Amino acid sequence: MEAKHESVLMEEVLKALDVQRSDVVVDGTLGGAGHFARLLAQLGSDGVIVGIDADPEAVHRGRAVYAEDRRADRPVAHLVNDNFRNLTHILERLGLGSVDKVLLDLGWSGFQIAGTRGFSFQKDEPLLMTYGAEGETAADIVNGMEEDALADLIYTYGEERFSRGIARAIVEQRKAERILTTSALVAAVTKGTPRWYHERKVHPATKTFQALRIAVNDELGALREGIAAALTALTPGGKLAIITFHSIEDRVVKNALRDAAYAGLGSLSPKKPIVPTRGEVVANRRARSAKLRVFERCNASTCHEAAMNAHDYAYV
């Protein structure tokens, strides 16, 4: 599969963050480095950009983008192979006390799909789903977890209605042979779901793969910690922009930002999530489920107003 990636909601992100030339900007999820390149271009010599990704290949892409920027007044850049959940410690190591803008794009890039780590069910490869080289893999989970726990995981993180049948099929299949490849897992999912489920536009293994990827990388735990760290690091008037792609992570983001607004830390701006235009969805099918939520940290003159308006966020 040819590696290809097109960052979603690009213009909306740039407009929402409104990066100034002297800002300190964090791209917490480098991915294909598309957003990173555009954010970099908006900064000048007084600015700083920090690019973070748990995938070392994404960090290499960020470095390549920075190397291509030959401007005499390009900003200082720090490219870090780490998880954005560790943002507080990353900033401490870099000597950065606070930041002006933070972007988290929670989608996984086309480069990861085209890689060989088991993120895609479209080809046969090792069942890993890890961003780095170490840690528990998807194969460890499907071959070692008890049936009930596996079913709960697939239901909770994948919102898969046939999680019980899939878990049962996985357990039966692994009795004969360990499930070590994506094609072997797809075969188990197929056995554990009804025939009509295989004839839909959405691949029957989509939700199971999503659930395993979230579990392997503790994505929801990382997201909660990353949001908390970003909100703490933001300067007064600073902005945090987060792009989500499925309801589980969007619920975590929505609740975290609502709670921050309710606590009087700032406000959602705008209150409703920003979604792609029809034109972008037609041009890039990956954008169809994307939502952009933007939080602005209050300053001395707006914190009181934010606290007074906190009740407005109860149902956003």
C-alpha atoms as a PDB file:
ATOM      1  CA  MET A   1       0.000   0.000   0.000  1.00  0.00           C
ATOM      2  CA  GLU A   2       1.424   3.380  -0.991  1.00  0.00           C
ATOM      3  CA  ALA A   3       1.921   5.705   1.946  1.00  0.00           C
ATOM      4  CA  LYS A   4      -0.329   8.733   1.642  1.00  0.00           C
ATOM      5  CA  HIS A   5      -1.770  11.155   4.145  1.00  0.00           C
ATOM      6  CA  GLU A   6      -3.895  14.268   3.872  1.00  0.00           C
ATOM      7  CA  SER A   7      -4.450  16.209   7.083  1.00  0.00           C
ATOM      8  CA  VAL A   8      -8.090  17.013   7.777  1.00  0.00           C
ATOM      9  CA  LEU A   9      -9.703  20.343   8.704  1.00  0.00           C
ATOM     10  CA  MET A  10      -6.469  22.136   7.828  1.00  0.00           C
ATOM     11  CA  GLU A  11      -7.859  25.611   7.181  1.00  0.00           C
ATOM     12  CA  GLU A  12     -10.251  25.344  10.113  1.00  0.00           C
ATOM     13  CA  VAL A  13      -7.384  24.456  12.462  1.00  0.00           C
ATOM     14  CA  LEU A  14      -5.244  27.358  11.243  1.00  0.00           C
ATOM     15  CA  LYS A  15      -8.127  29.813  11.608  1.00  0.00           C
ATOM     16  CA  ALA A  16      -9.080  28.538  15.061  1.00  0.00           C
ATOM     17  CA  LEU A  17      -5.550  28.590  16.495  1.00  0.00           C
ATOM     18  CA  ASP A  18      -4.644  31.940  14.883  1.00  0.00           C
ATOM     19  CA  VAL A  19      -0.916  31.343  15.340  1.00  0.00           C
ATOM     20  CA  GLN A  20       1.223  34.469  15.728  1.00  0.00           C
ATOM     21  CA  ARG A  21       4.861  34.622  14.617  1.00  0.00           C
ATOM     22  CA  SER A  22       6.241  34.681  18.172  1.00  0.00           C
ATOM     23  CA  ASP A  23       3.998  31.942  19.592  1.00  0.00           C
ATOM     24  CA  VAL A  24       5.125  28.749  21.290  1.00  0.00           C
ATOM     25  CA  VAL A  25       3.169  26.021  19.500  1.00  0.00           C
ATOM     26  CA  VAL A  26       2.809  22.314  20.258  1.00  0.00           C
ATOM     27  CA  ASP A  27       1.761  19.773  17.651  1.00  0.00           C
ATOM     28  CA  GLY A  28       1.209  16.829  19.981  1.00  0.00           C
ATOM     29  CA  THR A  29       0.476  14.319  17.221  1.00  0.00           C
ATOM     30  CA  LEU A  30       2.852  14.789  14.297  1.00  0.00           C
ATOM     31  CA  GLY A  31       1.434  11.915  12.216  1.00  0.00           C
ATOM     32  CA  GLY A  32       1.959  12.763   8.560  1.00  0.00           C
ATOM     33  CA  ALA A  33       3.369  16.199   9.566  1.00  0.00           C
ATOM     34  CA  GLY A  34       0.802  18.039   7.431  1.00  0.00           C
ATOM     35  CA  HIS A  35      -0.469  20.282  10.213  1.00  0.00           C
ATOM     36  CA  PHE A  36       3.080  20.645  11.522  1.00  0.00           C
ATOM     37  CA  ALA A  37       4.269  22.043   8.186  1.00  0.00           C
ATOM     38  CA  ARG A  38       1.546  24.688   8.058  1.00  0.00           C
ATOM     39  CA  LEU A  39       1.964  25.679  11.717  1.00  0.00           C
ATOM     40  CA  LEU A  40       5.727  25.936  11.198  1.00  0.00           C
ATOM     41  CA  ALA A  41       5.193  28.274   8.246  1.00  0.00           C
ATOM     42  CA  GLN A  42       3.219  30.694  10.405  1.00  0.00           C
ATOM     43  CA  LEU A  43       6.006  31.111  12.959  1.00  0.00           C
ATOM     44  CA  GLY A  44       8.982  33.430  12.792  1.00  0.00           C
ATOM     45  CA  SER A  45      12.400  33.523  14.425  1.00  0.00           C
ATOM     46  CA  ASP A  46      10.892  34.513  17.778  1.00  0.00           C
ATOM     47  CA  GLY A  47       8.599  31.505  17.735  1.00  0.00           C
ATOM     48  CA  VAL A  48       9.032  27.931  18.940  1.00  0.00           C
ATOM     49  CA  ILE A  49       7.356  24.775  17.680  1.00  0.00           C
ATOM     50  CA  VAL A  50       7.338  21.436  19.479  1.00  0.00           C
ATOM     51  CA  GLY A  51       6.411  18.335  17.495  1.00  0.00           C
ATOM     52  CA  ILE A  52       5.577  15.176  19.461  1.00  0.00           C
ATOM     53  CA  ASP A  53       4.686  11.654  18.396  1.00  0.00           C
ATOM     54  CA  ALA A  54       4.926   8.184  19.920  1.00  0.00           C
ATOM     55  CA  ASP A  55       5.741   6.836  16.452  1.00  0.00           C
ATOM     56  CA  PRO A  56       9.433   7.434  15.644  1.00  0.00           C
ATOM     57  CA  GLU A  57       8.669   7.466  11.924  1.00  0.00           C
ATOM     58  CA  ALA A  58       6.357  10.449  12.450  1.00  0.00           C
ATOM     59  CA  VAL A  59       9.176  12.277  14.224  1.00  0.00           C
ATOM     60  CA  HIS A  60      11.433  11.596  11.221  1.00  0.00           C
ATOM     61  CA  ARG A  61       8.773  13.139   8.964  1.00  0.00           C
ATOM     62  CA  GLY A  62       8.651  16.211  11.192  1.00  0.00           C
ATOM     63  CA  ARG A  63      12.420  16.577  11.028  1.00  0.00           C
ATOM     64  CA  ALA A  64      12.323  16.310   7.243  1.00  0.00           C
ATOM     65  CA  VAL A  65       9.678  19.063   7.052  1.00  0.00           C
ATOM     66  CA  TYR A  66      11.761  21.311   9.306  1.00  0.00           C
ATOM     67  CA  ALA A  67      14.897  20.670   7.245  1.00  0.00           C
ATOM     68  CA  GLU A  68      13.035  21.781   4.126  1.00  0.00           C
ATOM     69  CA  ASP A  69      12.211  25.146   5.702  1.00  0.00           C
ATOM     70  CA  ARG A  70      15.150  27.266   4.501  1.00  0.00           C
ATOM     71  CA  ARG A  71      13.865  30.594   5.799  1.00  0.00           C
ATOM     72  CA  ALA A  72      16.421  32.754   7.556  1.00  0.00           C
ATOM     73  CA  ASP A  73      13.809  33.548  10.200  1.00  0.00           C
ATOM     74  CA  ARG A  74      12.440  30.069  10.774  1.00  0.00           C
ATOM     75  CA  PRO A  75      11.522  29.285  14.408  1.00  0.00           C
ATOM     76  CA  VAL A  76      13.275  26.967  16.822  1.00  0.00           C
ATOM     77  CA  ALA A  77      11.882  23.440  16.538  1.00  0.00           C
ATOM     78  CA  HIS A  78      11.973  20.538  18.976  1.00  0.00           C
ATOM     79  CA  LEU A  79      10.991  17.114  17.576  1.00  0.00           C
ATOM     80  CA  VAL A  80      10.271  14.629  20.349  1.00  0.00           C
ATOM     81  CA  ASN A  81       9.622  10.882  20.214  1.00  0.00           C
ATOM     82  CA  ASP A  82       7.200  10.562  23.118  1.00  0.00           C
ATOM     83  CA  ASN A  83       3.507  10.407  23.932  1.00  0.00           C
ATOM     84  CA  PHE A  84       1.650  13.704  24.295  1.00  0.00           C
ATOM     85  CA  ARG A  85       0.353  12.415  27.638  1.00  0.00           C
ATOM     86  CA  ASN A  86       3.836  13.345  28.930  1.00  0.00           C
ATOM     87  CA  LEU A  87       3.533  16.958  27.745  1.00  0.00           C
ATOM     88  CA  THR A  88       4.314  18.438  31.161  1.00  0.00           C
ATOM     89  CA  HIS A  89       7.613  16.565  31.436  1.00  0.00           C
ATOM     90  CA  ILE A  90       8.476  17.265  27.778  1.00  0.00           C
ATOM     91  CA  LEU A  91       8.055  21.001  28.282  1.00  0.00           C
ATOM     92  CA  GLU A  92      10.091  20.860  31.482  1.00  0.00           C
ATOM     93  CA  ARG A  93      12.958  19.117  29.670  1.00  0.00           C
ATOM     94  CA  LEU A  94      12.857  21.750  26.940  1.00  0.00           C
ATOM     95  CA  GLY A  95      12.791  24.619  29.422  1.00  0.00           C
ATOM     96  CA  LEU A  96       9.401  25.844  28.214  1.00  0.00           C
ATOM     97  CA  GLY A  97       7.217  27.079  31.038  1.00  0.00           C
ATOM     98  CA  SER A  98       4.065  27.636  29.005  1.00  0.00           C
ATOM     99  CA  VAL A  99       2.715  27.459  25.455  1.00  0.00           C
ATOM    100  CA  ASP A 100       0.346  29.545  23.365  1.00  0.00           C
ATOM    101  CA  LYS A 101      -1.239  26.970  21.043  1.00  0.00           C
ATOM    102  CA  VAL A 102      -1.669  23.177  21.179  1.00  0.00           C
ATOM    103  CA  LEU A 103      -3.005  20.859  18.485  1.00  0.00           C
ATOM    104  CA  LEU A 104      -3.964  17.209  18.979  1.00  0.00           C
ATOM    105  CA  ASP A 105      -5.083  15.321  15.866  1.00  0.00           C
ATOM    106  CA  LEU A 106      -6.310  11.962  17.155  1.00  0.00           C
ATOM    107  CA  GLY A 107      -6.545  10.265  13.790  1.00  0.00           C
ATOM    108  CA  TRP A 108      -3.862   7.833  12.663  1.00  0.00           C
ATOM    109  CA  SER A 109      -1.970   8.738   9.559  1.00  0.00           C
ATOM    110  CA  GLY A 110      -1.952   7.077   6.160  1.00  0.00           C
ATOM    111  CA  PHE A 111       1.710   6.271   6.793  1.00  0.00           C
ATOM    112  CA  GLN A 112       0.761   4.123   9.779  1.00  0.00           C
ATOM    113  CA  ILE A 113      -1.930   2.351   7.759  1.00  0.00           C
ATOM    114  CA  ALA A 114       0.599   1.669   5.010  1.00  0.00           C
ATOM    115  CA  GLY A 115       3.162   0.402   7.514  1.00  0.00           C
ATOM    116  CA  THR A 116       3.567  -3.134   8.799  1.00  0.00           C
ATOM    117  CA  ARG A 117       2.328  -2.874  12.368  1.00  0.00           C
ATOM    118  CA  GLY A 118      -1.129  -4.354  11.963  1.00  0.00           C
ATOM    119  CA  PHE A 119      -3.275  -1.218  11.945  1.00  0.00           C
ATOM    120  CA  SER A 120      -5.019  -2.183   8.702  1.00  0.00           C
ATOM    121  CA  PHE A 121      -7.286  -5.163   8.037  1.00  0.00           C
ATOM    122  CA  GLN A 122      -6.833  -4.650   4.302  1.00  0.00           C
ATOM    123  CA  LYS A 123      -3.579  -6.608   4.153  1.00  0.00           C
ATOM    124  CA  ASP A 124      -1.877  -9.459   5.988  1.00  0.00           C
ATOM    125  CA  GLU A 125       0.768  -8.362   8.490  1.00  0.00           C
ATOM    126  CA  PRO A 126       1.877  -8.995  12.086  1.00  0.00           C
ATOM    127  CA  LEU A 127      -0.826  -8.215  14.645  1.00  0.00           C
ATOM    128  CA  LEU A 128       1.010  -5.523  16.602  1.00  0.00           C
ATOM    129  CA  MET A 129      -0.868  -2.167  16.569  1.00  0.00           C
ATOM    130  CA  THR A 130       1.906  -0.529  18.597  1.00  0.00           C
ATOM    131  CA  TYR A 131       3.235   2.909  17.680  1.00  0.00           C
ATOM    132  CA  GLY A 132       6.712   2.060  18.953  1.00  0.00           C
ATOM    133  CA  ALA A 133       8.816  -1.076  19.102  1.00  0.00           C
ATOM    134  CA  GLU A 134       7.970  -2.134  22.639  1.00  0.00           C
ATOM    135  CA  GLY A 135       4.972  -2.935  24.803  1.00  0.00           C
ATOM    136  CA  GLU A 136       1.944  -5.205  24.746  1.00  0.00           C
ATOM    137  CA  THR A 137       0.677  -6.007  21.261  1.00  0.00           C
ATOM    138  CA  ALA A 138      -2.778  -6.744  19.875  1.00  0.00           C
ATOM    139  CA  ALA A 139      -1.666 -10.369  19.468  1.00  0.00           C
ATOM    140  CA  ASP A 140      -0.895 -10.511  23.196  1.00  0.00           C
ATOM    141  CA  ILE A 141      -4.421  -9.362  23.969  1.00  0.00           C
ATOM    142  CA  VAL A 142      -6.348 -11.626  21.579  1.00  0.00           C
ATOM    143  CA  ASN A 143      -4.322 -14.672  22.580  1.00  0.00           C
ATOM    144  CA  GLY A 144      -4.149 -14.074  26.317  1.00  0.00           C
ATOM    145  CA  MET A 145      -7.339 -12.378  27.472  1.00  0.00           C
ATOM    146  CA  GLU A 146     -10.281 -14.308  28.874  1.00  0.00           C
ATOM    147  CA  GLU A 147     -13.335 -14.462  26.631  1.00  0.00           C
ATOM    148  CA  ASP A 148     -15.617 -12.277  28.756  1.00  0.00           C
ATOM    149  CA  ALA A 149     -12.934  -9.630  29.244  1.00  0.00           C
ATOM    150  CA  LEU A 150     -12.144  -9.657  25.528  1.00  0.00           C
ATOM    151  CA  ALA A 151     -15.821  -9.221  24.662  1.00  0.00           C
ATOM    152  CA  ASP A 152     -16.094  -6.312  27.103  1.00  0.00           C
ATOM    153  CA  LEU A 153     -13.018  -4.658  25.586  1.00  0.00           C
ATOM    154  CA  ILE A 154     -14.357  -4.941  22.035  1.00  0.00           C
ATOM    155  CA  TYR A 155     -17.754  -3.616  23.114  1.00  0.00           C
ATOM    156  CA  THR A 156     -16.414  -0.744  25.238  1.00  0.00           C
ATOM    157  CA  TYR A 157     -13.667   0.546  22.942  1.00  0.00           C
ATOM    158  CA  GLY A 158     -15.197  -0.484  19.626  1.00  0.00           C
ATOM    159  CA  GLU A 159     -18.922  -0.149  20.384  1.00  0.00           C
ATOM    160  CA  GLU A 160     -19.236  -3.474  18.575  1.00  0.00           C
ATOM    161  CA  ARG A 161     -22.717  -5.002  18.895  1.00  0.00           C
ATOM    162  CA  PHE A 162     -21.407  -8.519  18.099  1.00  0.00           C
ATOM    163  CA  SER A 163     -18.557  -8.399  20.616  1.00  0.00           C
ATOM    164  CA  ARG A 164     -19.666 -11.606  22.371  1.00  0.00           C
ATOM    165  CA  GLY A 165     -19.749 -13.605  19.160  1.00  0.00           C
ATOM    166  CA  ILE A 166     -16.410 -12.189  18.028  1.00  0.00           C
ATOM    167  CA  ALA A 167     -14.739 -12.967  21.345  1.00  0.00           C
ATOM    168  CA  ARG A 168     -16.128 -16.509  21.240  1.00  0.00           C
ATOM    169  CA  ALA A 169     -14.809 -17.008  17.710  1.00  0.00           C
ATOM    170  CA  ILE A 170     -11.383 -15.650  18.683  1.00  0.00           C
ATOM    171  CA  VAL A 171     -11.124 -18.044  21.620  1.00  0.00           C
ATOM    172  CA  GLU A 172     -12.151 -21.016  19.466  1.00  0.00           C
ATOM    173  CA  GLN A 173      -9.682 -20.086  16.747  1.00  0.00           C
ATOM    174  CA  ARG A 174      -6.744 -19.588  19.095  1.00  0.00           C
ATOM    175  CA  LYS A 175      -7.272 -23.081  20.563  1.00  0.00           C
ATOM    176  CA  ALA A 176      -6.109 -24.468  17.236  1.00  0.00           C
ATOM    177  CA  GLU A 177      -3.447 -21.864  16.513  1.00  0.00           C
ATOM    178  CA  ARG A 178      -2.351 -18.546  17.994  1.00  0.00           C
ATOM    179  CA  ILE A 179      -3.744 -15.490  16.197  1.00  0.00           C
ATOM    180  CA  LEU A 180      -0.637 -13.610  15.109  1.00  0.00           C
ATOM    181  CA  THR A 181      -1.650 -11.796  11.913  1.00  0.00           C
ATOM    182  CA  THR A 182      -4.309  -9.331  10.835  1.00  0.00           C
ATOM    183  CA  SER A 183      -5.790 -11.828   8.374  1.00  0.00           C
ATOM    184  CA  ALA A 184      -6.177 -14.426  11.123  1.00  0.00           C
ATOM    185  CA  LEU A 185      -8.017 -11.888  13.276  1.00  0.00           C
ATOM    186  CA  VAL A 186     -10.259 -10.880  10.361  1.00  0.00           C
ATOM    187  CA  ALA A 187     -11.103 -14.561   9.859  1.00  0.00           C
ATOM    188  CA  ALA A 188     -12.172 -14.841  13.505  1.00  0.00           C
ATOM    189  CA  VAL A 189     -14.282 -11.683  13.297  1.00  0.00           C
ATOM    190  CA  THR A 190     -15.962 -13.028  10.157  1.00  0.00           C
ATOM    191  CA  LYS A 191     -16.834 -16.269  11.943  1.00  0.00           C
ATOM    192  CA  GLY A 192     -18.213 -14.378  14.917  1.00  0.00           C
ATOM    193  CA  THR A 193     -20.578 -12.104  12.981  1.00  0.00           C
ATOM    194  CA  PRO A 194     -23.658 -12.762  10.822  1.00  0.00           C
ATOM    195  CA  ARG A 195     -23.375 -12.910   7.039  1.00  0.00           C
ATOM    196  CA  TRP A 196     -25.381  -9.721   6.440  1.00  0.00           C
ATOM    197  CA  TYR A 197     -22.827  -7.866   8.573  1.00  0.00           C
ATOM    198  CA  HIS A 198     -20.172  -8.659   5.958  1.00  0.00           C
ATOM    199  CA  GLU A 199     -22.096  -7.034   3.132  1.00  0.00           C
ATOM    200  CA  ARG A 200     -22.150  -3.496   4.493  1.00  0.00           C
ATOM    201  CA  LYS A 201     -19.888  -0.660   3.311  1.00  0.00           C
ATOM    202  CA  VAL A 202     -18.044  -0.709   6.637  1.00  0.00           C
ATOM    203  CA  HIS A 203     -15.692  -3.672   7.011  1.00  0.00           C
ATOM    204  CA  PRO A 204     -16.912  -6.054   9.771  1.00  0.00           C
ATOM    205  CA  ALA A 205     -13.525  -5.927  11.518  1.00  0.00           C
ATOM    206  CA  THR A 206     -13.393  -2.120  11.731  1.00  0.00           C
ATOM    207  CA  LYS A 207     -14.663  -1.790  15.285  1.00  0.00           C
ATOM    208  CA  THR A 208     -12.660  -4.744  16.607  1.00  0.00           C
ATOM    209  CA  PHE A 209      -9.438  -3.280  15.205  1.00  0.00           C
ATOM    210  CA  GLN A 210     -10.337   0.110  16.681  1.00  0.00           C
ATOM    211  CA  ALA A 211     -10.911  -1.425  20.103  1.00  0.00           C
ATOM    212  CA  LEU A 212      -7.612  -3.292  20.096  1.00  0.00           C
ATOM    213  CA  ARG A 213      -5.657  -0.246  18.915  1.00  0.00           C
ATOM    214  CA  ILE A 214      -7.149   1.871  21.702  1.00  0.00           C
ATOM    215  CA  ALA A 215      -6.374  -0.790  24.303  1.00  0.00           C
ATOM    216  CA  VAL A 216      -2.831  -1.508  23.110  1.00  0.00           C
ATOM    217  CA  ASN A 217      -1.843   2.162  23.191  1.00  0.00           C
ATOM    218  CA  ASP A 218      -4.014   3.210  26.165  1.00  0.00           C
ATOM    219  CA  GLU A 219      -5.303   5.957  23.906  1.00  0.00           C
ATOM    220  CA  LEU A 220      -8.107   7.155  26.182  1.00  0.00           C
ATOM    221  CA  GLY A 221      -5.857   7.334  29.229  1.00  0.00           C
ATOM    222  CA  ALA A 222      -3.265   9.209  27.186  1.00  0.00           C
ATOM    223  CA  LEU A 223      -5.946  11.565  25.890  1.00  0.00           C
ATOM    224  CA  ARG A 224      -7.240  12.463  29.348  1.00  0.00           C
ATOM    225  CA  GLU A 225      -3.722  13.094  30.655  1.00  0.00           C
ATOM    226  CA  GLY A 226      -2.725  15.011  27.532  1.00  0.00           C
ATOM    227  CA  ILE A 227      -5.730  17.340  27.724  1.00  0.00           C
ATOM    228  CA  ALA A 228      -5.095  18.051  31.392  1.00  0.00           C
ATOM    229  CA  ALA A 229      -1.425  18.796  30.694  1.00  0.00           C
ATOM    230  CA  ALA A 230      -2.264  21.036  27.732  1.00  0.00           C
ATOM    231  CA  LEU A 231      -4.819  23.065  29.699  1.00  0.00           C
ATOM    232  CA  THR A 232      -2.292  23.569  32.491  1.00  0.00           C
ATOM    233  CA  ALA A 233       0.457  24.617  30.056  1.00  0.00           C
ATOM    234  CA  LEU A 234      -1.631  27.147  28.110  1.00  0.00           C
ATOM    235  CA  THR A 235      -0.925  30.822  28.618  1.00  0.00           C
ATOM    236  CA  PRO A 236      -3.881  33.142  29.301  1.00  0.00           C
ATOM    237  CA  GLY A 237      -5.629  33.506  25.951  1.00  0.00           C
ATOM    238  CA  GLY A 238      -3.929  30.352  24.656  1.00  0.00           C
ATOM    239  CA  LYS A 239      -5.846  27.814  22.585  1.00  0.00           C
ATOM    240  CA  LEU A 240      -6.148  24.038  22.497  1.00  0.00           C
ATOM    241  CA  ALA A 241      -7.538  22.426  19.333  1.00  0.00           C
ATOM    242  CA  ILE A 242      -8.438  18.722  19.224  1.00  0.00           C
ATOM    243  CA  ILE A 243      -9.583  16.694  16.202  1.00  0.00           C
ATOM    244  CA  THR A 244     -11.472  13.483  16.943  1.00  0.00           C
ATOM    245  CA  PHE A 245     -12.647  10.743  14.595  1.00  0.00           C
ATOM    246  CA  HIS A 246     -14.962   8.487  16.577  1.00  0.00           C
ATOM    247  CA  SER A 247     -17.583   8.891  19.281  1.00  0.00           C
ATOM    248  CA  ILE A 248     -15.583   7.332  22.120  1.00  0.00           C
ATOM    249  CA  GLU A 249     -12.645   9.739  21.970  1.00  0.00           C
ATOM    250  CA  ASP A 250     -14.917  12.679  21.115  1.00  0.00           C
ATOM    251  CA  ARG A 251     -16.920  11.984  24.272  1.00  0.00           C
ATOM    252  CA  VAL A 252     -13.709  12.115  26.336  1.00  0.00           C
ATOM    253  CA  VAL A 253     -12.700  15.416  24.713  1.00  0.00           C
ATOM    254  CA  LYS A 254     -16.157  16.953  25.019  1.00  0.00           C
ATOM    255  CA  ASN A 255     -16.432  16.064  28.709  1.00  0.00           C
ATOM    256  CA  ALA A 256     -12.910  17.232  29.555  1.00  0.00           C
ATOM    257  CA  LEU A 257     -13.329  20.605  27.856  1.00  0.00           C
ATOM    258  CA  ARG A 258     -16.834  21.050  29.281  1.00  0.00           C
ATOM    259  CA  ASP A 259     -15.481  20.378  32.780  1.00  0.00           C
ATOM    260  CA  ALA A 260     -12.654  22.865  32.193  1.00  0.00           C
ATOM    261  CA  ALA A 261     -15.179  25.483  31.099  1.00  0.00           C
ATOM    262  CA  TYR A 262     -17.398  24.681  34.080  1.00  0.00           C
ATOM    263  CA  ALA A 263     -14.381  25.193  36.349  1.00  0.00           C
ATOM    264  CA  GLY A 264     -13.932  28.658  34.867  1.00  0.00           C
ATOM    265  CA  LEU A 265     -10.632  27.909  33.131  1.00  0.00           C
ATOM    266  CA  GLY A 266     -11.853  29.231  29.799  1.00  0.00           C
ATOM    267  CA  SER A 267     -14.420  28.592  27.131  1.00  0.00           C
ATOM    268  CA  LEU A 268     -15.179  26.501  24.077  1.00  0.00           C
ATOM    269  CA  SER A 269     -14.759  28.704  21.024  1.00  0.00           C
ATOM    270  CA  PRO A 270     -17.012  28.007  19.206  1.00  0.00           C
ATOM    271  CA  LYS A 271     -19.288  26.104  21.579  1.00  0.00           C
ATOM    272  CA  LYS A 272     -20.203  23.500  18.964  1.00  0.00           C
ATOM    273  CA  PRO A 273     -17.624  21.299  17.208  1.00  0.00           C
ATOM    274  CA  ILE A 274     -16.380  22.312  13.768  1.00  0.00           C
ATOM    275  CA  VAL A 275     -16.936  19.697  11.056  1.00  0.00           C
ATOM    276  CA  PRO A 276     -15.498  19.357   7.532  1.00  0.00           C
ATOM    277  CA  THR A 277     -17.151  20.950   4.544  1.00  0.00           C
ATOM    278  CA  ARG A 278     -18.916  18.706   2.080  1.00  0.00           C
ATOM    279  CA  GLY A 279     -16.165  19.452  -0.411  1.00  0.00           C
ATOM    280  CA  GLU A 280     -13.477  18.152   1.954  1.00  0.00           C
ATOM    281  CA  VAL A 281     -15.432  14.989   2.685  1.00  0.00           C
ATOM    282  CA  VAL A 282     -15.825  14.318  -1.037  1.00  0.00           C
ATOM    283  CA  ALA A 283     -12.109  14.900  -1.608  1.00  0.00           C
ATOM    284  CA  ASN A 284     -10.966  13.010   1.494  1.00  0.00           C
ATOM    285  CA  ARG A 285     -13.309  10.301   2.769  1.00  0.00           C
ATOM    286  CA  ARG A 286     -11.242  10.022   5.946  1.00  0.00           C
ATOM    287  CA  ALA A 287     -12.564  13.443   6.978  1.00  0.00           C
ATOM    288  CA  ARG A 288     -16.205  12.357   7.123  1.00  0.00           C
ATOM    289  CA  SER A 289     -16.270  11.652  10.874  1.00  0.00           C
ATOM    290  CA  ALA A 290     -13.832  14.366  11.989  1.00  0.00           C
ATOM    291  CA  LYS A 291     -14.783  16.928  14.622  1.00  0.00           C
ATOM    292  CA  LEU A 292     -12.692  19.872  15.768  1.00  0.00           C
ATOM    293  CA  ARG A 293     -13.191  21.247  19.272  1.00  0.00           C
ATOM    294  CA  VAL A 294     -11.369  24.405  20.371  1.00  0.00           C
ATOM    295  CA  PHE A 295     -10.832  25.617  23.934  1.00  0.00           C
ATOM    296  CA  GLU A 296      -9.535  29.099  24.777  1.00  0.00           C
ATOM    297  CA  ARG A 297      -7.865  29.659  28.132  1.00  0.00           C
ATOM    298  CA  CYS A 298      -9.259  32.692  29.895  1.00  0.00           C
ATOM    299  CA  ASN A 299      -7.159  35.675  30.940  1.00  0.00           C
ATOM    300  CA  ALA A 300      -7.530  38.079  33.837  1.00  0.00           C
ATOM    301  CA  SER A 301     -10.335  39.988  32.152  1.00  0.00           C
ATOM    302  CA  THR A 302     -12.309  37.000  30.884  1.00  0.00           C
ATOM    303  CA  CYS A 303     -12.013  34.363  33.646  1.00  0.00           C
ATOM    304  CA  HIS A 304     -14.885  35.814  35.645  1.00  0.00           C
ATOM    305  CA  GLU A 305     -17.103  35.824  32.566  1.00  0.00           C
ATOM    306  CA  ALA A 306     -16.086  32.228  31.782  1.00  0.00           C
ATOM    307  CA  ALA A 307     -17.082  31.130  35.260  1.00  0.00           C
ATOM    308  CA  MET A 308     -20.415  32.957  35.008  1.00  0.00           C
ATOM    309  CA  ASN A 309     -21.179  31.285  31.671  1.00  0.00           C
ATOM    310  CA  ALA A 310     -20.047  27.806  32.716  1.00  0.00           C
ATOM    311  CA  HIS A 311     -23.592  26.441  32.883  1.00  0.00           C
ATOM    312  CA  ASP A 312     -23.899  26.970  29.122  1.00  0.00           C
ATOM    313  CA  TYR A 313     -21.583  23.996  28.509  1.00  0.00           C
ATOM    314  CA  ALA A 314     -23.607  21.340  30.286  1.00  0.00           C
ATOM    315  CA  TYR A 315     -25.033  19.952  27.053  1.00  0.00           C
ATOM    316  CA  VAL A 316     -22.503  21.042  24.407  1.00  0.00           C
END
